[in-house]
Structures are given as structure tokens and as C-alpha cells.
Amino acid sequence: MQDPPWEVLVVDGGSDDDTVTKCDGLATVLHSPRGRAKQMNVGWRAARGQAVLFLHADTTLPKAAFTEVRRCLADQTAEGGIFRLQFDASHPLLNLFSYGSRIKTVCTCFGDRGIFGRRDTLEKIGERAVNCILIR
């Protein structure tokens, strides 16, 4: 059986639940100080691939996510991308956030989305990489 064309890294920021146990055999677990940007920087620096996809622990990707990442990055001018939000519950505020993720502005780049980019782009901008991606 051939290995999948990706590696799965989980960067644990000192959780006190059973995250590390759940990852046993499914992912390589790395440890980092708590904080999304710190954890993301540890993760992309440890990754070996030419593209990196960041995914928050409580977020799932659409079925065709890897196909879409490959399609996007096949365009050599694309540095990366971000998936739209969709919630599994309906609430006016959640619906607003979901709709807002379709608008291409900095103000609608919420954190709990699948974010991907080229490794060489992350290396060029260094530690600021995640801070640039996670505009608050």
C-alpha cells in the first residue's frame, strides 16, 4: 500500500484533553506553547511538503478539499488560499459569518478556516507568515 501524498501533523498547545491519545497512529504530534500562531509556525516549519494546509482542530474540510488545493496551486501565480466557512448548525450569527467568508476582504478572514499556502512563500516571510495569514 502506498503512503498518501500528505503528512498529518498535529501541533498540541498543551491541551488537557485526550487530543494526543486520539492522534496515536493517525498523525505526528508536535508540541508548542499555547497560541494559534505559535502552533502554526511550529507545524509549517516541521512539515516536509511543498504546500502546507492549516486546519483548526474542530474544523473539517469539504470532500474535494485536496483536489481544490492541488487545482489552486497548479496556478504558479497562486501563493495559497482559504476555504469558505460552513457551519453544521443554523443561527443568524453563524449564517452571517458563513456568508461573510464568501467576500474577499481582510475583514472576513476568520481563523477557523482551512488555510493553505506554498512552503516557499511561508519561508520567504518567516515568522510573520502566520501573523499575516491570521489577520485579526
N, C-alpha and C. Protein backbone atom coordinates (compact mmCIF):
# COMPACT_ATOMS: atom_id res chain seq x y z
N MET A 1 0.84 -1.19 0.00
CA MET A 1 0.00 0.00 0.00
C MET A 1 0.88 1.24 0.00
N GLN A 2 0.56 2.19 -0.86
CA GLN A 2 1.34 3.41 -0.98
C GLN A 2 0.91 4.42 0.07
N ASP A 3 1.89 5.15 0.62
CA ASP A 3 1.57 6.20 1.58
C ASP A 3 0.79 7.31 0.89
N PRO A 4 -0.09 7.99 1.61
CA PRO A 4 -0.82 9.10 1.00
C PRO A 4 0.17 10.23 0.66
N PRO A 5 -0.20 11.09 -0.28
CA PRO A 5 0.73 12.15 -0.71
C PRO A 5 0.77 13.33 0.27
N TRP A 6 0.44 13.08 1.52
CA TRP A 6 0.50 14.14 2.51
C TRP A 6 0.92 13.55 3.85
N GLU A 7 1.37 14.44 4.72
CA GLU A 7 1.67 14.04 6.09
C GLU A 7 0.71 14.80 6.99
N VAL A 8 0.37 14.22 8.10
CA VAL A 8 -0.55 14.86 9.04
C VAL A 8 0.23 15.17 10.31
N LEU A 9 0.31 16.46 10.62
CA LEU A 9 0.98 16.92 11.82
C LEU A 9 -0.07 17.60 12.71
N VAL A 10 -0.06 17.27 13.97
CA VAL A 10 -0.94 17.92 14.94
C VAL A 10 -0.02 18.64 15.91
N VAL A 11 -0.24 19.93 16.07
CA VAL A 11 0.58 20.71 16.99
C VAL A 11 -0.28 20.99 18.22
N ASP A 12 0.07 20.34 19.31
CA ASP A 12 -0.69 20.46 20.55
C ASP A 12 -0.09 21.57 21.40
N GLY A 13 -0.95 22.47 21.81
CA GLY A 13 -0.51 23.61 22.61
C GLY A 13 -0.72 23.39 24.10
N GLY A 14 -0.50 22.17 24.56
CA GLY A 14 -0.64 21.88 25.98
C GLY A 14 -2.07 21.57 26.38
N SER A 15 -2.82 20.96 25.50
CA SER A 15 -4.21 20.64 25.81
C SER A 15 -4.28 19.68 27.00
N ASP A 16 -5.39 19.74 27.71
CA ASP A 16 -5.58 18.85 28.85
C ASP A 16 -6.68 17.82 28.58
N ASP A 17 -6.99 17.65 27.30
CA ASP A 17 -7.97 16.63 26.93
C ASP A 17 -7.21 15.42 26.35
N ASP A 18 -7.86 14.61 25.58
CA ASP A 18 -7.19 13.42 25.04
C ASP A 18 -6.77 13.59 23.58
N THR A 19 -6.44 14.81 23.19
CA THR A 19 -6.02 15.09 21.81
C THR A 19 -4.85 14.20 21.39
N VAL A 20 -3.82 14.17 22.20
CA VAL A 20 -2.61 13.41 21.84
C VAL A 20 -2.95 11.93 21.69
N THR A 21 -3.76 11.39 22.59
CA THR A 21 -4.15 9.98 22.52
C THR A 21 -4.94 9.70 21.25
N LYS A 22 -5.85 10.58 20.89
CA LYS A 22 -6.67 10.40 19.69
C LYS A 22 -5.82 10.39 18.42
N CYS A 23 -4.68 11.05 18.46
CA CYS A 23 -3.82 11.15 17.28
C CYS A 23 -2.90 9.95 17.11
N ASP A 24 -2.83 9.11 18.12
CA ASP A 24 -1.91 7.98 18.09
C ASP A 24 -2.12 7.12 16.85
N GLY A 25 -1.08 7.03 16.03
CA GLY A 25 -1.12 6.23 14.82
C GLY A 25 -1.75 6.94 13.62
N LEU A 26 -2.36 8.09 13.85
CA LEU A 26 -3.01 8.83 12.76
C LEU A 26 -2.23 10.06 12.34
N ALA A 27 -1.43 10.59 13.24
CA ALA A 27 -0.71 11.83 12.96
C ALA A 27 0.56 11.88 13.79
N THR A 28 1.50 12.69 13.34
CA THR A 28 2.67 13.00 14.13
C THR A 28 2.29 14.15 15.04
N VAL A 29 2.51 13.99 16.33
CA VAL A 29 2.15 15.04 17.29
C VAL A 29 3.38 15.85 17.64
N LEU A 30 3.27 17.15 17.48
CA LEU A 30 4.32 18.08 17.87
C LEU A 30 3.79 18.90 19.05
N HIS A 31 4.69 19.45 19.82
CA HIS A 31 4.26 20.23 20.98
C HIS A 31 4.78 21.66 20.84
N SER A 32 3.97 22.59 21.32
CA SER A 32 4.26 24.00 21.17
C SER A 32 3.65 24.75 22.35
N PRO A 33 4.16 25.94 22.63
CA PRO A 33 3.43 26.78 23.59
C PRO A 33 2.03 27.06 23.04
N ARG A 34 1.10 27.30 23.93
CA ARG A 34 -0.28 27.59 23.55
C ARG A 34 -0.32 28.87 22.71
N GLY A 35 -1.20 28.88 21.73
CA GLY A 35 -1.38 30.05 20.88
C GLY A 35 -1.39 29.64 19.42
N ARG A 36 -2.43 30.04 18.72
CA ARG A 36 -2.61 29.58 17.34
C ARG A 36 -1.41 29.90 16.46
N ALA A 37 -0.92 31.12 16.47
CA ALA A 37 0.20 31.49 15.59
C ALA A 37 1.45 30.69 15.95
N LYS A 38 1.72 30.53 17.24
CA LYS A 38 2.90 29.76 17.66
C LYS A 38 2.79 28.32 17.18
N GLN A 39 1.60 27.74 17.36
CA GLN A 39 1.41 26.34 16.95
C GLN A 39 1.51 26.19 15.43
N MET A 40 0.96 27.12 14.69
CA MET A 40 1.03 27.04 13.23
C MET A 40 2.46 27.18 12.74
N ASN A 41 3.23 28.06 13.36
CA ASN A 41 4.63 28.21 12.96
C ASN A 41 5.43 26.95 13.24
N VAL A 42 5.19 26.30 14.38
CA VAL A 42 5.85 25.02 14.67
C VAL A 42 5.47 24.00 13.61
N GLY A 43 4.19 23.96 13.25
CA GLY A 43 3.72 22.98 12.28
C GLY A 43 4.31 23.16 10.89
N TRP A 44 4.26 24.36 10.34
CA TRP A 44 4.76 24.51 8.97
C TRP A 44 6.27 24.36 8.90
N ARG A 45 6.97 24.71 9.97
CA ARG A 45 8.43 24.52 9.95
C ARG A 45 8.80 23.03 9.99
N ALA A 46 7.98 22.22 10.63
CA ALA A 46 8.26 20.78 10.71
C ALA A 46 7.79 20.02 9.47
N ALA A 47 6.86 20.58 8.74
CA ALA A 47 6.30 19.90 7.56
C ALA A 47 7.37 19.74 6.49
N ARG A 48 7.27 18.64 5.73
CA ARG A 48 8.25 18.37 4.69
C ARG A 48 7.74 18.69 3.29
N GLY A 49 6.46 18.89 3.14
CA GLY A 49 5.88 19.09 1.82
C GLY A 49 6.11 20.47 1.24
N GLN A 50 5.78 20.62 -0.01
CA GLN A 50 5.92 21.89 -0.72
C GLN A 50 4.71 22.80 -0.54
N ALA A 51 3.65 22.25 0.04
CA ALA A 51 2.46 23.04 0.37
C ALA A 51 2.03 22.64 1.77
N VAL A 52 1.43 23.59 2.48
CA VAL A 52 1.01 23.36 3.86
C VAL A 52 -0.45 23.76 3.98
N LEU A 53 -1.24 22.92 4.63
CA LEU A 53 -2.64 23.22 4.89
C LEU A 53 -2.83 23.27 6.40
N PHE A 54 -3.32 24.40 6.89
CA PHE A 54 -3.59 24.57 8.32
C PHE A 54 -5.08 24.30 8.55
N LEU A 55 -5.37 23.52 9.58
CA LEU A 55 -6.76 23.22 9.89
C LEU A 55 -6.93 23.20 11.39
N HIS A 56 -7.85 24.01 11.87
CA HIS A 56 -8.16 24.06 13.30
C HIS A 56 -8.76 22.73 13.73
N ALA A 57 -8.55 22.34 14.96
CA ALA A 57 -8.95 21.01 15.44
C ALA A 57 -10.43 20.71 15.30
N ASP A 58 -11.28 21.71 15.40
CA ASP A 58 -12.72 21.44 15.32
C ASP A 58 -13.30 21.77 13.94
N THR A 59 -12.45 21.79 12.94
CA THR A 59 -12.87 22.15 11.59
C THR A 59 -12.69 20.95 10.66
N THR A 60 -13.63 20.76 9.76
CA THR A 60 -13.50 19.70 8.77
C THR A 60 -13.42 20.33 7.38
N LEU A 61 -12.77 19.64 6.50
CA LEU A 61 -12.61 20.11 5.13
C LEU A 61 -13.74 19.58 4.25
N PRO A 62 -14.04 20.29 3.15
CA PRO A 62 -15.01 19.75 2.20
C PRO A 62 -14.44 18.49 1.54
N LYS A 63 -15.30 17.67 0.98
CA LYS A 63 -14.88 16.39 0.39
C LYS A 63 -13.80 16.54 -0.67
N ALA A 64 -13.88 17.57 -1.48
CA ALA A 64 -12.93 17.75 -2.58
C ALA A 64 -11.78 18.70 -2.20
N ALA A 65 -11.50 18.83 -0.92
CA ALA A 65 -10.52 19.82 -0.47
C ALA A 65 -9.14 19.64 -1.11
N PHE A 66 -8.62 18.41 -1.11
CA PHE A 66 -7.27 18.21 -1.63
C PHE A 66 -7.22 18.43 -3.14
N THR A 67 -8.29 18.09 -3.82
CA THR A 67 -8.38 18.36 -5.25
C THR A 67 -8.35 19.87 -5.49
N GLU A 68 -9.09 20.61 -4.66
CA GLU A 68 -9.13 22.07 -4.80
C GLU A 68 -7.78 22.71 -4.48
N VAL A 69 -7.10 22.21 -3.47
CA VAL A 69 -5.77 22.74 -3.14
C VAL A 69 -4.82 22.51 -4.31
N ARG A 70 -4.83 21.30 -4.84
CA ARG A 70 -3.96 20.99 -5.98
C ARG A 70 -4.30 21.87 -7.19
N ARG A 71 -5.59 22.04 -7.46
CA ARG A 71 -6.03 22.85 -8.58
C ARG A 71 -5.56 24.30 -8.41
N CYS A 72 -5.73 24.84 -7.23
CA CYS A 72 -5.33 26.22 -6.97
C CYS A 72 -3.82 26.37 -7.13
N LEU A 73 -3.05 25.48 -6.53
CA LEU A 73 -1.60 25.61 -6.56
C LEU A 73 -0.97 25.19 -7.89
N ALA A 74 -1.76 24.61 -8.78
CA ALA A 74 -1.28 24.33 -10.13
C ALA A 74 -1.04 25.64 -10.87
N ASP A 75 -1.74 26.69 -10.45
CA ASP A 75 -1.52 28.03 -11.00
C ASP A 75 -0.28 28.59 -10.29
N GLN A 76 0.81 28.71 -11.01
CA GLN A 76 2.08 29.13 -10.41
C GLN A 76 2.04 30.53 -9.82
N THR A 77 1.03 31.33 -10.16
CA THR A 77 0.92 32.67 -9.59
C THR A 77 0.18 32.67 -8.26
N ALA A 78 -0.45 31.56 -7.91
CA ALA A 78 -1.19 31.47 -6.64
C ALA A 78 -0.24 31.12 -5.51
N GLU A 79 -0.31 31.86 -4.44
CA GLU A 79 0.53 31.60 -3.27
C GLU A 79 -0.18 30.72 -2.25
N GLY A 80 -1.50 30.67 -2.32
CA GLY A 80 -2.26 29.88 -1.36
C GLY A 80 -3.73 30.22 -1.45
N GLY A 81 -4.47 29.79 -0.46
CA GLY A 81 -5.89 30.05 -0.45
C GLY A 81 -6.51 29.76 0.90
N ILE A 82 -7.82 29.97 0.95
CA ILE A 82 -8.56 29.77 2.19
C ILE A 82 -9.95 29.26 1.84
N PHE A 83 -10.44 28.30 2.59
CA PHE A 83 -11.76 27.74 2.33
C PHE A 83 -12.84 28.62 2.97
N ARG A 84 -14.01 28.56 2.40
CA ARG A 84 -15.16 29.28 2.97
C ARG A 84 -15.65 28.57 4.21
N LEU A 85 -16.35 29.31 5.05
CA LEU A 85 -16.95 28.74 6.25
C LEU A 85 -18.31 28.14 5.95
N GLN A 86 -18.61 27.06 6.62
CA GLN A 86 -19.95 26.49 6.61
C GLN A 86 -20.12 25.80 7.95
N PHE A 87 -21.19 26.09 8.63
CA PHE A 87 -21.42 25.53 9.96
C PHE A 87 -22.41 24.38 9.91
N ASP A 88 -22.32 23.49 10.88
CA ASP A 88 -23.26 22.37 10.93
C ASP A 88 -24.48 22.70 11.79
N ALA A 89 -24.61 23.95 12.18
CA ALA A 89 -25.78 24.42 12.92
C ALA A 89 -26.24 25.71 12.26
N SER A 90 -27.51 26.01 12.44
CA SER A 90 -28.04 27.24 11.86
C SER A 90 -28.36 28.23 12.96
N HIS A 91 -27.79 29.42 12.81
CA HIS A 91 -28.02 30.51 13.75
C HIS A 91 -27.75 31.79 12.95
N PRO A 92 -28.51 32.84 13.16
CA PRO A 92 -28.29 34.06 12.36
C PRO A 92 -26.85 34.55 12.36
N LEU A 93 -26.17 34.51 13.50
CA LEU A 93 -24.78 34.96 13.55
C LEU A 93 -23.86 34.02 12.76
N LEU A 94 -24.08 32.72 12.91
CA LEU A 94 -23.27 31.76 12.15
C LEU A 94 -23.51 31.90 10.65
N ASN A 95 -24.77 32.12 10.28
CA ASN A 95 -25.10 32.33 8.87
C ASN A 95 -24.40 33.58 8.33
N LEU A 96 -24.32 34.62 9.14
CA LEU A 96 -23.64 35.86 8.74
C LEU A 96 -22.15 35.60 8.53
N PHE A 97 -21.52 34.88 9.48
CA PHE A 97 -20.10 34.56 9.32
C PHE A 97 -19.86 33.71 8.08
N SER A 98 -20.74 32.74 7.86
CA SER A 98 -20.62 31.88 6.69
C SER A 98 -20.72 32.71 5.41
N TYR A 99 -21.70 33.57 5.34
CA TYR A 99 -21.87 34.42 4.16
C TYR A 99 -20.66 35.35 4.00
N GLY A 100 -20.20 35.91 5.10
CA GLY A 100 -19.06 36.83 5.05
C GLY A 100 -17.80 36.18 4.51
N SER A 101 -17.66 34.87 4.68
CA SER A 101 -16.45 34.20 4.21
C SER A 101 -16.41 34.09 2.68
N ARG A 102 -17.50 34.45 2.02
CA ARG A 102 -17.53 34.47 0.55
C ARG A 102 -17.01 35.80 -0.01
N ILE A 103 -16.91 36.80 0.85
CA ILE A 103 -16.45 38.12 0.43
C ILE A 103 -14.93 38.16 0.58
N LYS A 104 -14.25 38.58 -0.46
CA LYS A 104 -12.79 38.55 -0.46
C LYS A 104 -12.21 39.85 0.09
N THR A 105 -12.27 39.98 1.42
CA THR A 105 -11.65 41.12 2.10
C THR A 105 -10.95 40.61 3.35
N VAL A 106 -10.04 41.41 3.86
CA VAL A 106 -9.32 41.08 5.07
C VAL A 106 -10.28 40.93 6.25
N CYS A 107 -11.33 41.72 6.25
CA CYS A 107 -12.27 41.72 7.38
C CYS A 107 -13.06 40.41 7.50
N THR A 108 -13.05 39.59 6.47
CA THR A 108 -13.82 38.34 6.52
C THR A 108 -12.93 37.11 6.59
N CYS A 109 -11.67 37.28 6.94
CA CYS A 109 -10.76 36.14 7.06
C CYS A 109 -10.77 35.63 8.49
N PHE A 110 -11.80 34.89 8.83
CA PHE A 110 -11.93 34.34 10.17
C PHE A 110 -10.98 33.17 10.34
N GLY A 111 -10.53 32.92 11.57
CA GLY A 111 -9.48 31.95 11.82
C GLY A 111 -9.81 30.49 11.62
N ASP A 112 -11.01 30.06 11.92
CA ASP A 112 -11.31 28.63 11.88
C ASP A 112 -11.67 28.16 10.48
N ARG A 113 -10.80 28.43 9.55
CA ARG A 113 -11.00 28.02 8.17
C ARG A 113 -9.76 27.25 7.73
N GLY A 114 -9.93 26.37 6.76
CA GLY A 114 -8.77 25.70 6.19
C GLY A 114 -7.97 26.71 5.39
N ILE A 115 -6.72 26.91 5.75
CA ILE A 115 -5.84 27.87 5.09
C ILE A 115 -4.66 27.10 4.52
N PHE A 116 -4.30 27.36 3.27
CA PHE A 116 -3.17 26.65 2.69
C PHE A 116 -2.26 27.61 1.94
N GLY A 117 -1.00 27.20 1.82
CA GLY A 117 -0.05 28.03 1.10
C GLY A 117 1.18 27.25 0.71
N ARG A 118 1.95 27.86 -0.15
CA ARG A 118 3.20 27.25 -0.60
C ARG A 118 4.26 27.38 0.49
N ARG A 119 5.02 26.33 0.65
CA ARG A 119 6.08 26.34 1.65
C ARG A 119 7.09 27.45 1.38
N ASP A 120 7.48 27.62 0.12
CA ASP A 120 8.49 28.65 -0.18
C ASP A 120 7.98 30.05 0.16
N THR A 121 6.68 30.28 0.05
CA THR A 121 6.12 31.57 0.44
C THR A 121 6.22 31.75 1.94
N LEU A 122 5.89 30.71 2.70
CA LEU A 122 6.00 30.79 4.15
C LEU A 122 7.45 31.02 4.56
N GLU A 123 8.39 30.36 3.90
CA GLU A 123 9.80 30.55 4.23
C GLU A 123 10.26 31.97 3.93
N LYS A 124 9.77 32.56 2.84
CA LYS A 124 10.17 33.92 2.48
C LYS A 124 9.73 34.93 3.53
N ILE A 125 8.54 34.73 4.07
CA ILE A 125 8.05 35.72 5.03
C ILE A 125 8.29 35.32 6.48
N GLY A 126 8.81 34.12 6.71
CA GLY A 126 9.27 33.70 8.03
C GLY A 126 8.21 33.69 9.10
N GLU A 127 8.60 34.06 10.31
CA GLU A 127 7.70 34.02 11.46
C GLU A 127 6.47 34.90 11.25
N ARG A 128 6.59 35.90 10.42
CA ARG A 128 5.43 36.76 10.16
C ARG A 128 4.39 36.04 9.33
N ALA A 129 4.73 34.88 8.78
CA ALA A 129 3.82 34.16 7.88
C ALA A 129 2.46 33.97 8.51
N VAL A 130 2.42 33.40 9.67
CA VAL A 130 1.14 33.11 10.28
C VAL A 130 0.46 34.40 10.74
N ASN A 131 1.23 35.37 11.19
CA ASN A 131 0.62 36.64 11.58
C ASN A 131 -0.01 37.32 10.38
N CYS A 132 0.57 37.16 9.21
CA CYS A 132 -0.03 37.73 8.01
C CYS A 132 -1.30 36.98 7.62
N ILE A 133 -1.28 35.68 7.79
CA ILE A 133 -2.45 34.89 7.45
C ILE A 133 -3.57 35.13 8.45
N LEU A 134 -3.23 35.22 9.72
CA LEU A 134 -4.24 35.36 10.76
C LEU A 134 -4.46 36.82 11.11
N ILE A 135 -4.98 37.54 10.19
CA ILE A 135 -5.27 38.95 10.40
C ILE A 135 -6.43 39.04 11.36
N ARG A 136 -6.27 39.78 12.41
CA ARG A 136 -7.33 39.88 13.43
C ARG A 136 -7.94 41.26 13.43
